[in-house]
Protein backbone atom coordinates (compact mmCIF):
# COMPACT_ATOMS: atom_id res chain seq x y z
CA MET A 1 -152.73 24.93 80.24
CA LYS A 2 -153.70 21.25 79.87
CA LYS A 3 -157.32 22.19 79.09
CA LYS A 4 -156.11 24.76 76.53
CA LEU A 5 -153.88 22.19 74.82
CA ILE A 6 -156.69 19.65 74.71
CA SER A 7 -159.01 22.27 73.20
CA LEU A 8 -156.41 23.11 70.54
CA LEU A 9 -155.93 19.47 69.65
CA VAL A 10 -159.70 18.98 69.40
CA CYS A 11 -159.98 21.99 67.09
CA LEU A 12 -157.16 20.65 64.85
CA VAL A 13 -158.90 17.29 64.68
CA LEU A 14 -162.17 18.98 63.76
CA VAL A 15 -160.53 21.04 61.04
CA SER A 16 -158.74 17.96 59.68
CA SER A 17 -161.97 15.97 59.64
CA MET A 18 -163.59 18.58 57.48
CA PHE A 19 -161.36 17.66 54.56
CA VAL A 20 -162.99 14.20 54.21
CA GLY A 21 -164.12 14.03 50.59
CA CYS A 22 -161.30 16.32 49.50
CA GLN A 23 -158.57 13.70 49.65
CA ALA A 24 -155.19 14.24 48.08
CA GLY A 25 -154.78 12.54 44.72
CA ASP A 26 -152.06 12.65 42.12
CA GLY A 27 -150.64 16.10 42.59
CA GLY A 28 -152.70 16.47 45.76
CA LYS A 29 -155.21 19.06 46.95
CA LYS A 30 -154.18 22.55 48.03
CA VAL A 31 -155.31 24.19 51.25
CA GLY A 32 -155.01 27.92 51.87
CA VAL A 33 -154.53 28.79 55.55
CA ALA A 34 -154.90 32.50 56.37
CA MET A 35 -153.71 33.53 59.85
CA PRO A 36 -153.94 37.08 61.33
CA THR A 37 -150.39 37.74 62.53
CA LYS A 38 -147.04 36.25 63.51
CA ASP A 39 -146.74 38.63 66.45
CA LEU A 40 -148.51 36.27 68.84
CA GLN A 41 -147.28 32.81 69.74
CA ARG A 42 -150.68 31.15 69.55
CA TRP A 43 -151.17 32.03 65.84
CA ASN A 44 -147.67 30.79 65.02
CA GLN A 45 -148.42 27.51 66.79
CA ASP A 46 -151.87 27.12 65.27
CA GLY A 47 -150.60 27.78 61.77
CA ALA A 48 -147.58 25.50 62.10
CA ASN A 49 -149.57 22.66 63.69
CA MET A 50 -152.30 22.87 61.03
CA LYS A 51 -149.74 22.95 58.24
CA GLU A 52 -147.91 19.92 59.66
CA ALA A 53 -151.14 17.92 60.15
CA LEU A 54 -152.44 18.66 56.66
CA GLU A 55 -149.12 17.94 54.94
CA LYS A 56 -148.91 14.60 56.74
CA ALA A 57 -152.36 13.84 55.32
CA GLY A 58 -151.07 14.56 51.82
CA TYR A 59 -152.22 18.10 51.19
CA THR A 60 -150.20 21.03 49.84
CA VAL A 61 -150.54 24.00 52.21
CA ASP A 62 -150.29 27.70 51.46
CA LEU A 63 -149.88 29.28 54.94
CA GLN A 64 -150.00 33.08 55.08
CA TYR A 65 -149.84 35.63 57.92
CA ALA A 66 -151.33 39.12 57.39
CA ASN A 67 -149.55 41.21 60.08
CA ASN A 68 -153.00 42.12 61.46
CA ASP A 69 -153.73 44.18 58.29
CA ILE A 70 -157.18 43.61 56.82
CA ALA A 71 -156.24 44.62 53.28
CA THR A 72 -153.26 42.28 53.36
CA GLN A 73 -155.43 39.35 54.50
CA VAL A 74 -158.02 40.06 51.77
CA SER A 75 -155.20 40.14 49.16
CA GLN A 76 -153.74 36.89 50.47
CA ILE A 77 -157.12 35.11 50.26
CA GLU A 78 -157.59 36.47 46.71
CA ASN A 79 -154.20 35.01 45.79
CA MET A 80 -155.13 31.68 47.39
CA ILE A 81 -158.28 31.52 45.28
CA THR A 82 -156.51 32.42 42.03
CA GLY A 83 -153.60 30.14 43.04
CA GLY A 84 -155.77 27.06 42.92
CA CYS A 85 -156.53 26.39 46.60
CA ASP A 86 -159.27 23.78 46.94
CA VAL A 87 -160.18 24.72 50.55
CA LEU A 88 -159.70 27.86 52.62
CA VAL A 89 -159.11 27.97 56.39
CA ILE A 90 -159.40 31.52 57.67
CA ALA A 91 -158.69 33.03 61.08
CA SER A 92 -160.02 36.45 60.23
CA ILE A 93 -158.67 39.80 61.41
CA ASP A 94 -162.08 41.39 60.90
CA GLY A 95 -164.90 38.92 60.59
CA GLY A 96 -167.06 41.42 58.67
CA SER A 97 -164.55 42.43 55.98
CA LEU A 98 -164.34 39.28 53.86
CA GLY A 99 -167.76 39.21 52.20
CA THR A 100 -166.59 40.22 48.73
CA VAL A 101 -163.57 37.96 48.46
CA LEU A 102 -165.48 34.99 49.89
CA LYS A 103 -168.25 35.53 47.37
CA ASP A 104 -165.62 34.72 44.76
CA ALA A 105 -164.65 31.59 46.70
CA LYS A 106 -168.28 30.46 46.81
CA GLU A 107 -168.70 31.03 43.09
CA LYS A 108 -165.70 28.79 42.50
CA LYS A 109 -167.17 26.24 44.94
CA ILE A 110 -164.22 26.47 47.34
CA PRO A 111 -165.25 25.41 50.88
CA VAL A 112 -164.41 27.96 53.58
CA ILE A 113 -163.64 27.09 57.23
CA ALA A 114 -163.79 29.92 59.74
CA TYR A 115 -161.14 29.09 62.34
CA ASP A 116 -161.52 30.43 65.88
CA ARG A 117 -163.03 33.75 64.74
CA LEU A 118 -166.52 33.85 63.31
CA ILE A 119 -166.78 35.22 59.75
CA MET A 120 -169.95 37.39 59.47
CA ASP A 121 -171.94 38.92 56.61
CA SER A 122 -171.13 36.02 54.30
CA ASP A 123 -172.93 32.85 53.27
CA ALA A 124 -169.75 31.30 51.91
CA VAL A 125 -168.67 29.71 55.19
CA SER A 126 -169.05 25.91 55.28
CA TYR A 127 -167.78 25.28 58.81
CA TYR A 128 -166.82 27.13 61.98
CA ALA A 129 -164.23 25.57 64.33
CA THR A 130 -163.61 27.33 67.62
CA PHE A 131 -162.97 26.95 71.35
CA ASP A 132 -165.35 27.36 74.28
CA ASN A 133 -164.60 31.04 74.48
CA TYR A 134 -167.08 31.72 77.27
CA MET A 135 -165.24 29.13 79.40
CA VAL A 136 -161.94 30.78 78.53
CA GLY A 137 -163.33 34.02 79.98
CA THR A 138 -164.52 32.33 83.15
CA ILE A 139 -161.08 30.79 83.66
CA GLN A 140 -159.49 34.20 83.21
CA GLY A 141 -161.86 35.76 85.71
CA GLN A 142 -161.34 32.89 88.19
CA TYR A 143 -157.58 33.41 88.01
CA ILE A 144 -158.05 36.97 89.27
CA VAL A 145 -160.35 35.72 92.04
CA ASP A 146 -157.83 33.08 93.11
CA THR A 147 -154.75 35.29 92.86
CA LEU A 148 -156.25 38.10 94.93
CA ASP A 149 -157.96 35.55 97.23
CA LEU A 150 -161.16 37.52 96.87
CA ASN A 151 -163.25 34.95 98.76
CA ASN A 152 -161.20 35.64 101.91
CA GLN A 153 -159.79 39.14 101.57
CA ALA A 154 -161.77 42.29 102.40
CA GLY A 155 -160.22 44.47 99.69
CA PRO A 156 -160.98 46.70 97.99
CA PHE A 157 -158.65 45.94 95.09
CA ASN A 158 -158.49 48.34 92.16
CA ILE A 159 -159.02 46.83 88.71
CA GLU A 160 -159.29 48.00 85.09
CA LEU A 161 -160.89 45.97 82.28
CA PHE A 162 -159.82 45.34 78.69
CA THR A 163 -161.35 43.09 76.04
CA GLY A 164 -160.98 42.57 72.30
CA SER A 165 -162.39 43.96 69.08
CA PRO A 166 -166.07 44.95 69.05
CA ASP A 167 -166.38 43.35 65.57
CA ASP A 168 -165.04 40.01 66.82
CA ASN A 169 -167.78 37.77 68.22
CA ASN A 170 -165.21 35.98 70.42
CA ALA A 171 -164.50 39.13 72.41
CA ARG A 172 -168.01 39.19 73.81
CA PHE A 173 -167.78 35.58 74.91
CA PHE A 174 -164.39 36.15 76.61
CA PHE A 175 -165.61 39.27 78.36
CA GLY A 176 -169.00 37.83 79.26
CA GLY A 177 -167.40 34.77 80.88
CA ALA A 178 -164.94 36.87 82.88
CA MET A 179 -167.54 39.36 83.99
CA ASP A 180 -169.87 36.64 85.19
CA ILE A 181 -167.10 35.70 87.62
CA LEU A 182 -165.94 39.24 88.52
CA THR A 183 -169.26 41.13 88.72
CA PRO A 184 -170.29 39.83 92.14
CA PHE A 185 -167.02 41.08 93.59
CA ILE A 186 -167.44 44.44 91.82
CA GLU A 187 -170.94 44.77 93.21
CA SER A 188 -169.81 43.87 96.72
CA GLY A 189 -167.02 46.45 96.57
CA LYS A 190 -164.09 43.98 96.82
CA LEU A 191 -163.13 44.95 93.28
CA ASN A 192 -163.20 48.64 92.41
CA VAL A 193 -163.14 49.74 88.73
CA VAL A 194 -161.59 53.17 89.44
CA SER A 195 -162.29 54.52 85.94
CA GLY A 196 -165.88 53.33 86.05
CA GLN A 197 -165.43 51.81 82.61
CA LYS A 198 -167.18 48.43 82.76
CA ALA A 199 -169.43 48.13 79.72
CA PHE A 200 -168.16 46.07 76.78
CA GLU A 201 -168.22 49.07 74.44
CA GLU A 202 -166.09 51.08 76.89
CA VAL A 203 -163.39 48.48 77.32
CA ALA A 204 -163.26 46.98 73.79
CA THR A 205 -159.99 47.25 71.78
CA LEU A 206 -160.40 47.62 68.02
CA ASN A 207 -158.59 44.83 66.12
CA TRP A 208 -157.18 43.50 69.41
CA SER A 209 -154.51 46.15 68.82
CA THR A 210 -151.46 46.19 71.12
CA GLU A 211 -150.98 49.85 70.35
CA GLU A 212 -154.57 50.80 71.11
CA ALA A 213 -154.51 48.87 74.38
CA GLN A 214 -151.28 50.61 75.38
CA LYS A 215 -152.73 54.01 74.52
CA ARG A 216 -155.87 53.39 76.57
CA MET A 217 -153.89 52.05 79.54
CA GLU A 218 -151.64 55.13 79.44
CA ASN A 219 -154.71 57.38 79.43
CA LEU A 220 -156.19 55.49 82.38
CA ILE A 221 -152.96 55.81 84.35
CA THR A 222 -152.81 59.54 83.67
CA ALA A 223 -156.44 60.16 84.51
CA TYR A 224 -156.95 57.88 87.53
CA TYR A 225 -153.61 56.70 88.98
CA ALA A 226 -151.18 59.58 88.62
CA ASP A 227 -152.01 60.72 92.13
CA GLY A 228 -150.59 57.51 93.59
CA THR A 229 -153.78 55.44 93.60
CA LYS A 230 -152.71 51.80 93.48
CA LEU A 231 -153.71 49.63 90.52
CA ASP A 232 -153.86 46.04 91.75
CA VAL A 233 -154.88 44.12 88.63
CA VAL A 234 -155.86 44.53 84.99
CA TYR A 235 -158.15 42.06 83.22
CA SER A 236 -157.22 41.50 79.54
CA SER A 237 -159.01 39.06 77.24
CA ASN A 238 -155.92 38.15 75.22
CA ASP A 239 -152.16 38.45 75.00
CA SER A 240 -152.13 41.04 72.21
CA CYS A 241 -153.92 43.58 74.38
CA ALA A 242 -151.94 42.41 77.43
CA ILE A 243 -148.62 43.29 75.75
CA GLY A 244 -149.78 46.88 75.29
CA ILE A 245 -151.13 47.09 78.83
CA THR A 246 -147.83 45.75 80.20
CA ASN A 247 -145.83 48.25 78.17
CA ALA A 248 -147.90 51.14 79.60
CA LEU A 249 -147.55 49.84 83.20
CA VAL A 250 -143.80 49.29 82.89
CA ASN A 251 -143.29 52.74 81.35
CA ALA A 252 -145.26 54.27 84.20
CA GLY A 253 -143.09 52.52 86.76
């Protein structure tokens, strides 16, 4: 938790430092901050912390949440551009869906900062601020190793794997970091992926959707665990997917 907090603070400092040269004057400068959703605590915290830091520095902030809907986020960014925002900070829902709206931002010479999630298929992005997502994945994988005491226990322990959206570059880093830790135990037989679904494409969850994660977990339970086979652990790259997984597990008893 301490490392995560430090990483968040570093990211906020980096984002704040990018506004040098865009200082608030009479009437101030306006910053548009586009966040994916209010459903997850981390986005609420990131948005609120960024808004507070920027307002203390003298900026006006237009903070918007898009309820994980791509069209809504595109519309919000369009409104930020027409509403006179001087800088855009965007945590994208789909990093490949913003090319058209960001072309307009570039034409109006509005700097764009991609926050946490890489924006692809656009040359309008001025900066990219993110975490060490590979390290996040290794920490997640190590938690499973430590909790199951895999270095000392014979096993086998049954596991299923979930990661994020295939169009989000971060998902591959999370999953890659976790699998670098877990793969030796899978190969030795201490961890057993009962479904056999181990490839990124097999375990990805479009748009990090809680509903899609729940649906897939329910299907896995029906197909592989309804006969009483014990499921010991599920790896999930983020809390949005984990909520759906938990719902499925609780509903199945």
